[in-house]
């Protein structure tokens, strides 16, 4: 009789362990599927913010000043663009 009780306990322990492992694997797979989509969406929202739009505009303006030949003005505008990049946590294009 003790042997049968021990077998039942062992069976339930294994069942609980297998259930926990399967649940953990399902959560990990769901995280690998959901988290990248969530992060991409958050980055898209940040890239559409005022900071990021101004960052791209100032970066283009700095390039225009460089083409004209005024590197001092270009550097000043570029520094403003970098500041906006940091504040807005934008996707890097510089």
C-alpha atoms as a PDB file:
ATOM      1  CA  UNK A   1       0.000   0.000   0.000  1.00  0.00           C
ATOM      2  CA  UNK A   2       2.838   2.453   0.733  1.00  0.00           C
ATOM      3  CA  UNK A   3       4.236   1.812  -2.716  1.00  0.00           C
ATOM      4  CA  UNK A   4       0.994   2.845  -4.396  1.00  0.00           C
ATOM      5  CA  UNK A   5       0.781   6.084  -2.368  1.00  0.00           C
ATOM      6  CA  UNK A   6       4.398   6.891  -3.281  1.00  0.00           C
ATOM      7  CA  UNK A   7       3.638   6.306  -6.946  1.00  0.00           C
ATOM      8  CA  UNK A   8       0.647   8.653  -6.753  1.00  0.00           C
ATOM      9  CA  UNK A   9       2.726  11.379  -5.084  1.00  0.00           C
ATOM     10  CA  UNK A  10       5.458  10.957  -7.681  1.00  0.00           C
ATOM     11  CA  UNK A  11       2.874  11.071 -10.474  1.00  0.00           C
ATOM     12  CA  UNK A  12       1.401  14.363  -9.168  1.00  0.00           C
ATOM     13  CA  UNK A  13       4.826  15.897  -8.669  1.00  0.00           C
ATOM     14  CA  UNK A  14       5.752  15.054 -12.251  1.00  0.00           C
ATOM     15  CA  UNK A  15       2.419  16.342 -13.516  1.00  0.00           C
ATOM     16  CA  UNK A  16       2.833  19.651 -11.682  1.00  0.00           C
ATOM     17  CA  UNK A  17       6.431  19.988 -12.890  1.00  0.00           C
ATOM     18  CA  UNK A  18       5.476  19.290 -16.507  1.00  0.00           C
ATOM     19  CA  UNK A  19       2.580  21.751 -16.271  1.00  0.00           C
ATOM     20  CA  UNK A  20       4.869  24.465 -14.901  1.00  0.00           C
ATOM     21  CA  UNK A  21       7.459  23.845 -17.620  1.00  0.00           C
ATOM     22  CA  UNK A  22       4.844  23.950 -20.400  1.00  0.00           C
ATOM     23  CA  UNK A  23       3.347  27.142 -18.941  1.00  0.00           C
ATOM     24  CA  UNK A  24       6.781  28.783 -18.721  1.00  0.00           C
ATOM     25  CA  UNK A  25       7.566  27.820 -22.318  1.00  0.00           C
ATOM     26  CA  UNK A  26       4.251  29.244 -23.503  1.00  0.00           C
ATOM     27  CA  UNK A  27       4.933  32.521 -21.701  1.00  0.00           C
ATOM     28  CA  UNK A  28       8.418  32.735 -23.193  1.00  0.00           C
ATOM     29  CA  UNK A  29       7.117  32.117 -26.716  1.00  0.00           C
ATOM     30  CA  UNK A  30       4.364  34.694 -26.222  1.00  0.00           C
ATOM     31  CA  UNK A  31       6.940  37.207 -24.979  1.00  0.00           C
ATOM     32  CA  UNK A  32       9.163  36.637 -28.021  1.00  0.00           C
ATOM     33  CA  UNK A  33       6.173  37.242 -30.277  1.00  0.00           C
ATOM     34  CA  UNK A  34       4.570  40.189 -28.485  1.00  0.00           C
ATOM     35  CA  UNK A  35       7.479  42.238 -27.111  1.00  0.00           C
ATOM     36  CA  UNK A  36       9.152  43.092 -30.476  1.00  0.00           C
ATOM     37  CA  UNK A  37       5.805  44.238 -31.899  1.00  0.00           C
ATOM     38  CA  UNK A  38       5.190  46.365 -28.816  1.00  0.00           C
ATOM     39  CA  UNK A  39       8.655  47.930 -28.962  1.00  0.00           C
ATOM     40  CA  UNK A  40       8.322  48.661 -32.698  1.00  0.00           C
ATOM     41  CA  UNK A  41       4.993  50.371 -32.107  1.00  0.00           C
ATOM     42  CA  UNK A  42       6.405  52.450 -29.245  1.00  0.00           C
ATOM     43  CA  UNK A  43       9.358  53.527 -31.433  1.00  0.00           C
ATOM     44  CA  UNK A  44       6.990  54.447 -34.271  1.00  0.00           C
ATOM     45  CA  UNK A  45       4.989  56.618 -31.868  1.00  0.00           C
ATOM     46  CA  UNK A  46       8.187  58.327 -30.643  1.00  0.00           C
ATOM     47  CA  UNK A  47       9.376  58.884 -34.229  1.00  0.00           C
ATOM     48  CA  UNK A  48       6.138  60.720 -34.993  1.00  0.00           C
ATOM     49  CA  UNK A  49       6.609  63.055 -32.028  1.00  0.00           C
ATOM     50  CA  UNK A  50       7.432  66.756 -32.370  1.00  0.00           C
ATOM     51  CA  UNK A  51      10.979  66.195 -31.090  1.00  0.00           C
ATOM     52  CA  UNK A  52      11.730  63.621 -33.774  1.00  0.00           C
ATOM     53  CA  UNK A  53      10.170  65.611 -36.592  1.00  0.00           C
ATOM     54  CA  UNK A  54      12.212  68.643 -35.550  1.00  0.00           C
ATOM     55  CA  UNK A  55      15.311  66.451 -35.236  1.00  0.00           C
ATOM     56  CA  UNK A  56      14.980  65.352 -38.857  1.00  0.00           C
ATOM     57  CA  UNK A  57      14.315  68.926 -40.017  1.00  0.00           C
ATOM     58  CA  UNK A  58      17.299  70.346 -38.123  1.00  0.00           C
ATOM     59  CA  UNK A  59      19.509  67.548 -39.413  1.00  0.00           C
ATOM     60  CA  UNK A  60      18.490  68.384 -42.986  1.00  0.00           C
ATOM     61  CA  UNK A  61      19.123  72.071 -42.286  1.00  0.00           C
ATOM     62  CA  UNK A  62      22.592  71.266 -40.955  1.00  0.00           C
ATOM     63  CA  UNK A  63      23.346  69.335 -44.159  1.00  0.00           C
ATOM     64  CA  UNK A  64      22.139  72.296 -46.213  1.00  0.00           C
ATOM     65  CA  UNK A  65      24.438  74.660 -44.275  1.00  0.00           C
ATOM     66  CA  UNK A  66      27.337  72.276 -44.897  1.00  0.00           C
ATOM     67  CA  UNK A  67      26.623  72.283 -48.638  1.00  0.00           C
ATOM     68  CA  UNK A  68      26.556  76.079 -48.649  1.00  0.00           C
ATOM     69  CA  UNK A  69      29.899  76.076 -46.883  1.00  0.00           C
ATOM     70  CA  UNK A  70      29.032  77.544 -43.494  1.00  0.00           C
ATOM     71  CA  UNK A  71      30.379  74.829 -41.224  1.00  0.00           C
ATOM     72  CA  UNK A  72      30.023  76.931 -38.041  1.00  0.00           C
ATOM     73  CA  UNK A  73      26.305  77.411 -38.604  1.00  0.00           C
ATOM     74  CA  UNK A  74      25.992  73.745 -39.639  1.00  0.00           C
ATOM     75  CA  UNK A  75      27.647  72.583 -36.418  1.00  0.00           C
ATOM     76  CA  UNK A  76      25.308  74.723 -34.303  1.00  0.00           C
ATOM     77  CA  UNK A  77      22.215  73.399 -36.051  1.00  0.00           C
ATOM     78  CA  UNK A  78      23.604  69.837 -35.874  1.00  0.00           C
ATOM     79  CA  UNK A  79      24.046  70.197 -32.086  1.00  0.00           C
ATOM     80  CA  UNK A  80      20.416  71.290 -31.787  1.00  0.00           C
ATOM     81  CA  UNK A  81      19.387  68.252 -33.847  1.00  0.00           C
ATOM     82  CA  UNK A  82      21.378  65.923 -31.563  1.00  0.00           C
ATOM     83  CA  UNK A  83      19.735  67.478 -28.501  1.00  0.00           C
ATOM     84  CA  UNK A  84      16.288  66.855 -30.012  1.00  0.00           C
ATOM     85  CA  UNK A  85      17.367  63.299 -30.896  1.00  0.00           C
ATOM     86  CA  UNK A  86      18.219  62.598 -27.265  1.00  0.00           C
ATOM     87  CA  UNK A  87      15.099  64.231 -25.857  1.00  0.00           C
ATOM     88  CA  UNK A  88      12.766  62.420 -28.245  1.00  0.00           C
ATOM     89  CA  UNK A  89      14.568  59.055 -28.195  1.00  0.00           C
ATOM     90  CA  UNK A  90      14.266  59.020 -31.987  1.00  0.00           C
ATOM     91  CA  UNK A  91      15.502  56.460 -34.478  1.00  0.00           C
ATOM     92  CA  UNK A  92      19.051  57.427 -35.378  1.00  0.00           C
ATOM     93  CA  UNK A  93      19.557  58.768 -38.916  1.00  0.00           C
ATOM     94  CA  UNK A  94      22.709  60.851 -38.392  1.00  0.00           C
END
